[in-house]
Amino acid sequence: MNLKRAKWSFNAAVAIFRRDMHVFWKEIGGNLLRIIGEPLFFLFVFGVLLPKLNLFRAGYIEILVPGIISMSTMTGSMRGVAAGISLSFEYNEEIRAHILTPITMRTLALEKIICGTFQGIVSGTIVLALALIIFPGKFSFSSLFFFELLLIFIASGITFASLGLALGSSFIPETMFEVLFIIMMPMMFFGATFYPLSLLPEVHPAFFYLTLFIPLTYISEGIRAILTPEIAFLPAIYCFIGIGVYFLIFFSLGVWAFKRRAIK
């Protein structure tokens, strides 16, 4: 009986995932604009314009690109899940309809996280492609380049999608977008996105250790370790450990918040 219920739950999750993917591709125009817009401005202004004006050194591109990619995977996964969950609970009751299907709450929460992870991977891949087009020849690839990058995209996606699930389940849309902004902005600017972690001890040791408590730091340094290992401070294995710790925290928090909101 338990095996039969598990099969029903899995089939329901697959159907819901297909439906979510259909909506994503149906709205691909708006999604692409959201994915490309902000990173493209960062890449052009900080990677092209300011170095040409001699306001940034030419090597800044190698520092900048991994940070922008990490930022895109974060926003793609976290904002996508948080917005969808919060709006659904508050307005269109889509989540309530999904709960009526033969699916467990944990499985439904996991489906939303997987959906957000997919959006994070798409965001990171598109921004990476843009960077390679805008800055040809700046990055060298190892034989395991795509495999390592896919792993860190997946790790980033499930971590921040879990955080998005927690936020979307805890706040109404009007408040949630404000909270999302308050959480994302410090991570975007202090998560080693626009500078390498190795330089922070020269600024102040306290700021260096503070940055280590920001989950985006491990994504930025992880991608930097793959694209520009000579600049990265943290080895990739430490980055995966850091991401893993935050995933466990955010996943537990996300599932708990989702269950609590769903049974109201």
C-alpha atoms as a PDB file:
ATOM      1  CA  MET A   1       0.000   0.000   0.000  1.00  0.00           C
ATOM      2  CA  ASN A   2       2.797   2.395   0.872  1.00  0.00           C
ATOM      3  CA  LEU A   3       4.523   1.549  -2.396  1.00  0.00           C
ATOM      4  CA  LYS A   4       1.308   2.246  -4.288  1.00  0.00           C
ATOM      5  CA  ARG A   5       0.848   5.605  -2.548  1.00  0.00           C
ATOM      6  CA  ALA A   6       4.481   6.492  -3.274  1.00  0.00           C
ATOM      7  CA  LYS A   7       3.902   5.722  -6.960  1.00  0.00           C
ATOM      8  CA  TRP A   8       0.794   7.931  -7.013  1.00  0.00           C
ATOM      9  CA  SER A   9       2.721  10.715  -5.297  1.00  0.00           C
ATOM     10  CA  PHE A  10       5.578  10.430  -7.793  1.00  0.00           C
ATOM     11  CA  ASN A  11       3.228  10.438 -10.806  1.00  0.00           C
ATOM     12  CA  ALA A  12       1.411  13.492  -9.436  1.00  0.00           C
ATOM     13  CA  ALA A  13       4.741  15.287  -8.907  1.00  0.00           C
ATOM     14  CA  VAL A  14       5.801  14.522 -12.492  1.00  0.00           C
ATOM     15  CA  ALA A  15       2.504  15.864 -13.831  1.00  0.00           C
ATOM     16  CA  ILE A  16       2.806  19.054 -11.777  1.00  0.00           C
ATOM     17  CA  PHE A  17       6.428  19.492 -12.898  1.00  0.00           C
ATOM     18  CA  ARG A  18       5.387  19.137 -16.550  1.00  0.00           C
ATOM     19  CA  ARG A  19       2.706  21.733 -15.989  1.00  0.00           C
ATOM     20  CA  ASP A  20       5.212  24.135 -14.367  1.00  0.00           C
ATOM     21  CA  MET A  21       7.647  23.628 -17.254  1.00  0.00           C
ATOM     22  CA  HIS A  22       4.859  24.282 -19.756  1.00  0.00           C
ATOM     23  CA  VAL A  23       4.097  27.600 -18.023  1.00  0.00           C
ATOM     24  CA  PHE A  24       7.826  28.487 -17.952  1.00  0.00           C
ATOM     25  CA  TRP A  25       8.298  27.897 -21.693  1.00  0.00           C
ATOM     26  CA  LYS A  26       4.977  29.537 -22.510  1.00  0.00           C
ATOM     27  CA  GLU A  27       6.229  32.701 -20.803  1.00  0.00           C
ATOM     28  CA  ILE A  28       9.782  32.345 -22.118  1.00  0.00           C
ATOM     29  CA  GLY A  29       9.851  35.893 -23.524  1.00  0.00           C
ATOM     30  CA  GLY A  30       9.278  37.522 -20.161  1.00  0.00           C
ATOM     31  CA  ASN A  31      11.480  34.957 -18.434  1.00  0.00           C
ATOM     32  CA  LEU A  32      14.391  35.652 -20.783  1.00  0.00           C
ATOM     33  CA  LEU A  33      14.033  39.383 -20.226  1.00  0.00           C
ATOM     34  CA  ARG A  34      14.137  38.814 -16.458  1.00  0.00           C
ATOM     35  CA  ILE A  35      17.101  36.440 -16.740  1.00  0.00           C
ATOM     36  CA  ILE A  36      19.212  38.445 -19.189  1.00  0.00           C
ATOM     37  CA  GLY A  37      18.379  42.054 -18.314  1.00  0.00           C
ATOM     38  CA  GLU A  38      20.212  42.713 -15.046  1.00  0.00           C
ATOM     39  CA  PRO A  39      23.298  40.511 -15.712  1.00  0.00           C
ATOM     40  CA  LEU A  40      23.730  42.014 -19.188  1.00  0.00           C
ATOM     41  CA  PHE A  41      23.864  45.535 -17.732  1.00  0.00           C
ATOM     42  CA  PHE A  42      26.412  44.435 -15.114  1.00  0.00           C
ATOM     43  CA  LEU A  43      28.577  42.693 -17.712  1.00  0.00           C
ATOM     44  CA  PHE A  44      28.511  45.640 -20.107  1.00  0.00           C
ATOM     45  CA  VAL A  45      29.038  48.446 -17.586  1.00  0.00           C
ATOM     46  CA  PHE A  46      31.557  46.763 -15.262  1.00  0.00           C
ATOM     47  CA  GLY A  47      33.170  44.420 -17.778  1.00  0.00           C
ATOM     48  CA  VAL A  48      33.298  46.538 -20.944  1.00  0.00           C
ATOM     49  CA  LEU A  49      32.600  50.213 -20.320  1.00  0.00           C
ATOM     50  CA  LEU A  50      34.508  50.929 -17.102  1.00  0.00           C
ATOM     51  CA  PRO A  51      37.679  49.017 -18.118  1.00  0.00           C
ATOM     52  CA  LYS A  52      37.711  50.937 -21.430  1.00  0.00           C
ATOM     53  CA  LEU A  53      37.489  54.161 -19.403  1.00  0.00           C
ATOM     54  CA  ASN A  54      40.482  52.901 -17.365  1.00  0.00           C
ATOM     55  CA  LEU A  55      38.391  52.995 -14.203  1.00  0.00           C
ATOM     56  CA  PHE A  56      38.819  49.240 -13.693  1.00  0.00           C
ATOM     57  CA  ARG A  57      41.829  47.142 -14.611  1.00  0.00           C
ATOM     58  CA  ALA A  58      41.476  44.864 -17.620  1.00  0.00           C
ATOM     59  CA  GLY A  59      41.782  41.679 -15.533  1.00  0.00           C
ATOM     60  CA  TYR A  60      38.621  42.578 -13.658  1.00  0.00           C
ATOM     61  CA  ILE A  61      36.597  40.601 -16.208  1.00  0.00           C
ATOM     62  CA  GLU A  62      37.946  37.320 -14.802  1.00  0.00           C
ATOM     63  CA  ILE A  63      36.800  38.407 -11.344  1.00  0.00           C
ATOM     64  CA  LEU A  64      33.441  39.787 -12.469  1.00  0.00           C
ATOM     65  CA  VAL A  65      32.019  37.045 -14.704  1.00  0.00           C
ATOM     66  CA  PRO A  66      31.900  34.199 -12.110  1.00  0.00           C
ATOM     67  CA  GLY A  67      30.201  36.561  -9.657  1.00  0.00           C
ATOM     68  CA  ILE A  68      27.541  37.626 -12.163  1.00  0.00           C
ATOM     69  CA  ILE A  69      26.865  33.988 -13.077  1.00  0.00           C
ATOM     70  CA  SER A  70      26.474  33.048  -9.411  1.00  0.00           C
ATOM     71  CA  MET A  71      24.161  35.994  -8.850  1.00  0.00           C
ATOM     72  CA  SER A  72      22.016  34.886 -11.800  1.00  0.00           C
ATOM     73  CA  THR A  73      21.657  31.316 -10.547  1.00  0.00           C
ATOM     74  CA  MET A  74      20.599  32.674  -7.161  1.00  0.00           C
ATOM     75  CA  THR A  75      18.000  35.113  -8.458  1.00  0.00           C
ATOM     76  CA  GLY A  76      16.669  32.695 -11.078  1.00  0.00           C
ATOM     77  CA  SER A  77      15.967  29.946  -8.579  1.00  0.00           C
ATOM     78  CA  MET A  78      15.054  31.905  -5.446  1.00  0.00           C
ATOM     79  CA  ARG A  79      12.891  34.619  -6.985  1.00  0.00           C
ATOM     80  CA  GLY A  80      11.126  32.177  -9.303  1.00  0.00           C
ATOM     81  CA  VAL A  81      10.033  29.851  -6.488  1.00  0.00           C
ATOM     82  CA  ALA A  82       9.279  32.580  -3.931  1.00  0.00           C
ATOM     83  CA  ALA A  83       7.103  34.585  -6.327  1.00  0.00           C
ATOM     84  CA  GLY A  84       5.222  31.569  -7.662  1.00  0.00           C
ATOM     85  CA  ILE A  85       4.498  30.086  -4.233  1.00  0.00           C
ATOM     86  CA  SER A  86       3.468  33.353  -2.585  1.00  0.00           C
ATOM     87  CA  LEU A  87       1.206  34.461  -5.444  1.00  0.00           C
ATOM     88  CA  SER A  88      -0.400  31.027  -5.696  1.00  0.00           C
ATOM     89  CA  PHE A  89      -1.191  30.768  -2.005  1.00  0.00           C
ATOM     90  CA  GLU A  90      -2.607  34.300  -1.912  1.00  0.00           C
ATOM     91  CA  TYR A  91      -4.496  34.638  -5.186  1.00  0.00           C
ATOM     92  CA  ASN A  92      -4.995  31.759  -7.641  1.00  0.00           C
ATOM     93  CA  GLU A  93      -5.122  28.812  -5.197  1.00  0.00           C
ATOM     94  CA  GLU A  94      -2.976  26.721  -7.565  1.00  0.00           C
ATOM     95  CA  ILE A  95      -1.068  25.195  -4.663  1.00  0.00           C
ATOM     96  CA  ARG A  96      -4.340  24.311  -2.919  1.00  0.00           C
ATOM     97  CA  ALA A  97      -5.408  22.416  -6.044  1.00  0.00           C
ATOM     98  CA  HIS A  98      -2.096  20.554  -6.153  1.00  0.00           C
ATOM     99  CA  ILE A  99      -2.493  19.544  -2.511  1.00  0.00           C
ATOM    100  CA  LEU A 100      -5.752  17.781  -3.432  1.00  0.00           C
ATOM    101  CA  THR A 101      -3.857  15.460  -5.781  1.00  0.00           C
ATOM    102  CA  PRO A 102      -2.448  12.175  -4.394  1.00  0.00           C
ATOM    103  CA  ILE A 103       0.879  13.752  -3.464  1.00  0.00           C
ATOM    104  CA  THR A 104       2.635  14.142  -0.132  1.00  0.00           C
ATOM    105  CA  MET A 105       3.477  17.633   1.125  1.00  0.00           C
ATOM    106  CA  ARG A 106       7.205  16.889   1.128  1.00  0.00           C
ATOM    107  CA  THR A 107       7.071  15.624  -2.457  1.00  0.00           C
ATOM    108  CA  LEU A 108       5.163  18.715  -3.586  1.00  0.00           C
ATOM    109  CA  ALA A 109       7.690  20.961  -1.843  1.00  0.00           C
ATOM    110  CA  LEU A 110      10.507  19.029  -3.510  1.00  0.00           C
ATOM    111  CA  GLU A 111       8.853  19.455  -6.913  1.00  0.00           C
ATOM    112  CA  LYS A 112       8.801  23.232  -6.454  1.00  0.00           C
ATOM    113  CA  ILE A 113      12.475  23.162  -5.447  1.00  0.00           C
ATOM    114  CA  ILE A 114      13.373  21.093  -8.525  1.00  0.00           C
ATOM    115  CA  CYS A 115      11.434  23.518 -10.713  1.00  0.00           C
ATOM    116  CA  GLY A 116      13.340  26.432  -9.169  1.00  0.00           C
ATOM    117  CA  THR A 117      16.622  24.576  -9.635  1.00  0.00           C
ATOM    118  CA  PHE A 118      15.844  24.226 -13.333  1.00  0.00           C
ATOM    119  CA  GLN A 119      15.267  27.974 -13.586  1.00  0.00           C
ATOM    120  CA  GLY A 120      18.553  28.617 -11.785  1.00  0.00           C
ATOM    121  CA  ILE A 121      20.439  26.325 -14.184  1.00  0.00           C
ATOM    122  CA  VAL A 122      18.857  28.031 -17.194  1.00  0.00           C
ATOM    123  CA  SER A 123      19.734  31.472 -15.804  1.00  0.00           C
ATOM    124  CA  GLY A 124      23.346  30.531 -15.090  1.00  0.00           C
ATOM    125  CA  THR A 125      23.814  28.844 -18.462  1.00  0.00           C
ATOM    126  CA  ILE A 126      22.413  31.795 -20.413  1.00  0.00           C
ATOM    127  CA  VAL A 127      24.587  34.300 -18.549  1.00  0.00           C
ATOM    128  CA  LEU A 128      27.645  32.073 -19.049  1.00  0.00           C
ATOM    129  CA  ALA A 129      26.916  31.949 -22.793  1.00  0.00           C
ATOM    130  CA  LEU A 130      26.558  35.747 -22.872  1.00  0.00           C
ATOM    131  CA  ALA A 131      29.876  36.163 -21.052  1.00  0.00           C
ATOM    132  CA  LEU A 132      31.667  33.839 -23.475  1.00  0.00           C
ATOM    133  CA  ILE A 133      30.260  35.820 -26.411  1.00  0.00           C
ATOM    134  CA  ILE A 134      31.086  39.246 -24.957  1.00  0.00           C
ATOM    135  CA  PHE A 135      34.544  38.210 -23.667  1.00  0.00           C
ATOM    136  CA  PRO A 136      35.873  35.577 -26.112  1.00  0.00           C
ATOM    137  CA  GLY A 137      39.108  33.842 -25.181  1.00  0.00           C
ATOM    138  CA  LYS A 138      39.128  35.068 -21.589  1.00  0.00           C
ATOM    139  CA  PHE A 139      38.457  31.691 -20.004  1.00  0.00           C
ATOM    140  CA  SER A 140      40.116  28.316 -20.516  1.00  0.00           C
ATOM    141  CA  PHE A 141      38.135  25.109 -20.039  1.00  0.00           C
ATOM    142  CA  SER A 142      39.257  21.875 -18.442  1.00  0.00           C
ATOM    143  CA  SER A 143      37.957  18.484 -19.546  1.00  0.00           C
ATOM    144  CA  LEU A 144      35.565  18.439 -16.585  1.00  0.00           C
ATOM    145  CA  PHE A 145      34.484  22.063 -17.026  1.00  0.00           C
ATOM    146  CA  PHE A 146      30.846  21.484 -17.983  1.00  0.00           C
ATOM    147  CA  PHE A 147      30.354  18.675 -15.459  1.00  0.00           C
ATOM    148  CA  GLU A 148      31.760  20.757 -12.589  1.00  0.00           C
ATOM    149  CA  LEU A 149      29.762  23.800 -13.616  1.00  0.00           C
ATOM    150  CA  LEU A 150      26.552  21.777 -13.871  1.00  0.00           C
ATOM    151  CA  LEU A 151      27.144  20.415 -10.370  1.00  0.00           C
ATOM    152  CA  ILE A 152      27.556  23.865  -8.877  1.00  0.00           C
ATOM    153  CA  PHE A 153      24.547  25.179 -10.807  1.00  0.00           C
ATOM    154  CA  ILE A 154      22.453  22.338  -9.368  1.00  0.00           C
ATOM    155  CA  ALA A 155      23.833  22.939  -5.866  1.00  0.00           C
ATOM    156  CA  SER A 156      23.107  26.655  -6.153  1.00  0.00           C
ATOM    157  CA  GLY A 157      19.637  26.041  -7.569  1.00  0.00           C
ATOM    158  CA  ILE A 158      18.415  23.641  -4.892  1.00  0.00           C
ATOM    159  CA  THR A 159      19.880  25.792  -2.106  1.00  0.00           C
ATOM    160  CA  PHE A 160      18.305  29.080  -3.144  1.00  0.00           C
ATOM    161  CA  ALA A 161      15.108  27.467  -4.424  1.00  0.00           C
ATOM    162  CA  SER A 162      14.712  26.032  -0.913  1.00  0.00           C
ATOM    163  CA  LEU A 163      15.182  29.509   0.543  1.00  0.00           C
ATOM    164  CA  GLY A 164      12.667  30.844  -1.986  1.00  0.00           C
ATOM    165  CA  LEU A 165      10.197  28.166  -0.883  1.00  0.00           C
ATOM    166  CA  ALA A 166      10.593  29.293   2.732  1.00  0.00           C
ATOM    167  CA  LEU A 167      10.064  32.962   1.843  1.00  0.00           C
ATOM    168  CA  GLY A 168       7.151  32.358  -0.526  1.00  0.00           C
ATOM    169  CA  SER A 169       5.416  30.216   2.078  1.00  0.00           C
ATOM    170  CA  SER A 170       5.949  32.725   4.904  1.00  0.00           C
ATOM    171  CA  PHE A 171       4.905  36.069   3.422  1.00  0.00           C
ATOM    172  CA  ILE A 172       2.090  37.525   1.351  1.00  0.00           C
ATOM    173  CA  PRO A 173       3.247  38.835  -2.077  1.00  0.00           C
ATOM    174  CA  GLU A 174       3.406  42.515  -1.113  1.00  0.00           C
ATOM    175  CA  THR A 175       5.639  41.771   1.880  1.00  0.00           C
ATOM    176  CA  MET A 176       7.493  38.893   0.261  1.00  0.00           C
ATOM    177  CA  PHE A 177       8.962  41.009  -2.548  1.00  0.00           C
ATOM    178  CA  GLU A 178      10.252  43.503   0.021  1.00  0.00           C
ATOM    179  CA  VAL A 179      11.792  40.717   2.109  1.00  0.00           C
ATOM    180  CA  LEU A 180      13.256  39.165  -1.042  1.00  0.00           C
ATOM    181  CA  PHE A 181      14.897  42.478  -1.890  1.00  0.00           C
ATOM    182  CA  ILE A 182      16.280  42.890   1.630  1.00  0.00           C
ATOM    183  CA  ILE A 183      17.795  39.387   1.553  1.00  0.00           C
ATOM    184  CA  MET A 184      19.074  39.367  -2.022  1.00  0.00           C
ATOM    185  CA  MET A 185      20.748  42.773  -2.167  1.00  0.00           C
ATOM    186  CA  PRO A 186      23.309  42.182   0.636  1.00  0.00           C
ATOM    187  CA  MET A 187      24.117  38.760  -0.815  1.00  0.00           C
ATOM    188  CA  MET A 188      24.543  40.208  -4.307  1.00  0.00           C
ATOM    189  CA  PHE A 189      26.996  42.887  -3.172  1.00  0.00           C
ATOM    190  CA  PHE A 190      28.735  41.137  -0.247  1.00  0.00           C
ATOM    191  CA  GLY A 191      28.731  37.547  -1.507  1.00  0.00           C
ATOM    192  CA  ALA A 192      32.137  37.835  -3.255  1.00  0.00           C
ATOM    193  CA  THR A 193      30.399  38.602  -6.538  1.00  0.00           C
ATOM    194  CA  PHE A 194      32.268  41.763  -7.520  1.00  0.00           C
ATOM    195  CA  TYR A 195      35.557  40.937  -5.805  1.00  0.00           C
ATOM    196  CA  PRO A 196      37.531  37.789  -4.957  1.00  0.00           C
ATOM    197  CA  LEU A 197      37.448  36.513  -1.414  1.00  0.00           C
ATOM    198  CA  SER A 198      41.265  36.444  -1.292  1.00  0.00           C
ATOM    199  CA  LEU A 199      41.513  40.243  -1.128  1.00  0.00           C
ATOM    200  CA  LEU A 200      39.162  40.739   1.824  1.00  0.00           C
ATOM    201  CA  PRO A 201      41.671  40.017   4.636  1.00  0.00           C
ATOM    202  CA  GLU A 202      43.631  43.031   3.370  1.00  0.00           C
ATOM    203  CA  VAL A 203      40.537  45.212   3.875  1.00  0.00           C
ATOM    204  CA  HIS A 204      39.533  43.913   7.313  1.00  0.00           C
ATOM    205  CA  PRO A 205      39.588  40.395   8.803  1.00  0.00           C
ATOM    206  CA  ALA A 206      36.121  40.869  10.316  1.00  0.00           C
ATOM    207  CA  PHE A 207      34.632  41.600   6.880  1.00  0.00           C
ATOM    208  CA  PHE A 208      36.336  38.497   5.506  1.00  0.00           C
ATOM    209  CA  TYR A 209      34.753  36.234   8.137  1.00  0.00           C
ATOM    210  CA  LEU A 210      31.392  37.953   7.745  1.00  0.00           C
ATOM    211  CA  THR A 211      31.460  37.163   4.021  1.00  0.00           C
ATOM    212  CA  LEU A 212      31.947  33.476   4.828  1.00  0.00           C
ATOM    213  CA  PHE A 213      28.475  33.463   6.431  1.00  0.00           C
ATOM    214  CA  ILE A 214      26.842  34.555   3.158  1.00  0.00           C
ATOM    215  CA  PRO A 215      25.735  31.509   1.112  1.00  0.00           C
ATOM    216  CA  LEU A 216      26.290  33.217  -2.250  1.00  0.00           C
ATOM    217  CA  THR A 217      30.002  33.480  -1.385  1.00  0.00           C
ATOM    218  CA  TYR A 218      30.412  29.737  -1.898  1.00  0.00           C
ATOM    219  CA  ILE A 219      28.660  29.854  -5.267  1.00  0.00           C
ATOM    220  CA  SER A 220      30.788  32.792  -6.458  1.00  0.00           C
ATOM    221  CA  GLU A 221      34.034  31.206  -5.287  1.00  0.00           C
ATOM    222  CA  GLY A 222      32.992  27.799  -6.612  1.00  0.00           C
ATOM    223  CA  ILE A 223      32.355  29.143 -10.124  1.00  0.00           C
ATOM    224  CA  ARG A 224      35.541  31.208  -9.848  1.00  0.00           C
ATOM    225  CA  ALA A 225      37.465  28.039  -8.917  1.00  0.00           C
ATOM    226  CA  ILE A 226      36.199  26.444 -12.141  1.00  0.00           C
ATOM    227  CA  LEU A 227      36.549  29.403 -14.539  1.00  0.00           C
ATOM    228  CA  THR A 228      39.569  31.176 -13.051  1.00  0.00           C
ATOM    229  CA  PRO A 229      41.257  28.870 -10.495  1.00  0.00           C
ATOM    230  CA  GLU A 230      44.253  31.206 -10.211  1.00  0.00           C
ATOM    231  CA  ILE A 231      42.011  33.899  -8.703  1.00  0.00           C
ATOM    232  CA  ALA A 232      39.767  31.749  -6.484  1.00  0.00           C
ATOM    233  CA  PHE A 233      40.543  31.631  -2.774  1.00  0.00           C
ATOM    234  CA  LEU A 234      38.419  28.647  -1.751  1.00  0.00           C
ATOM    235  CA  PRO A 235      38.942  25.251  -3.445  1.00  0.00           C
ATOM    236  CA  ALA A 236      35.824  23.852  -5.106  1.00  0.00           C
ATOM    237  CA  ILE A 237      35.453  21.096  -2.493  1.00  0.00           C
ATOM    238  CA  TYR A 238      35.136  23.662   0.323  1.00  0.00           C
ATOM    239  CA  CYS A 239      32.590  25.567  -1.730  1.00  0.00           C
ATOM    240  CA  PHE A 240      30.464  22.434  -2.122  1.00  0.00           C
ATOM    241  CA  ILE A 241      30.684  21.793   1.619  1.00  0.00           C
ATOM    242  CA  GLY A 242      29.548  25.355   2.350  1.00  0.00           C
ATOM    243  CA  ILE A 243      26.691  25.100  -0.139  1.00  0.00           C
ATOM    244  CA  GLY A 244      25.696  21.726   1.335  1.00  0.00           C
ATOM    245  CA  VAL A 245      25.415  23.157   4.841  1.00  0.00           C
ATOM    246  CA  TYR A 246      23.156  25.981   3.656  1.00  0.00           C
ATOM    247  CA  PHE A 247      21.085  23.567   1.580  1.00  0.00           C
ATOM    248  CA  LEU A 248      20.319  21.449   4.640  1.00  0.00           C
ATOM    249  CA  ILE A 249      19.299  24.566   6.573  1.00  0.00           C
ATOM    250  CA  PHE A 250      17.198  26.124   3.810  1.00  0.00           C
ATOM    251  CA  PHE A 251      15.597  22.852   2.705  1.00  0.00           C
ATOM    252  CA  SER A 252      14.440  22.025   6.239  1.00  0.00           C
ATOM    253  CA  LEU A 253      13.179  25.583   6.690  1.00  0.00           C
ATOM    254  CA  GLY A 254      11.462  25.606   3.293  1.00  0.00           C
ATOM    255  CA  VAL A 255       9.613  22.302   3.766  1.00  0.00           C
ATOM    256  CA  TRP A 256       8.545  23.296   7.289  1.00  0.00           C
ATOM    257  CA  ALA A 257       7.247  26.710   6.134  1.00  0.00           C
ATOM    258  CA  PHE A 258       5.471  25.172   3.127  1.00  0.00           C
ATOM    259  CA  LYS A 259       3.686  22.569   5.253  1.00  0.00           C
ATOM    260  CA  ARG A 260       2.692  25.190   7.830  1.00  0.00           C
ATOM    261  CA  ARG A 261       1.220  27.488   5.164  1.00  0.00           C
ATOM    262  CA  ALA A 262      -0.528  24.699   3.269  1.00  0.00           C
ATOM    263  CA  ILE A 263      -2.515  23.405   6.232  1.00  0.00           C
ATOM    264  CA  LYS A 264      -3.862  26.841   7.224  1.00  0.00           C
END
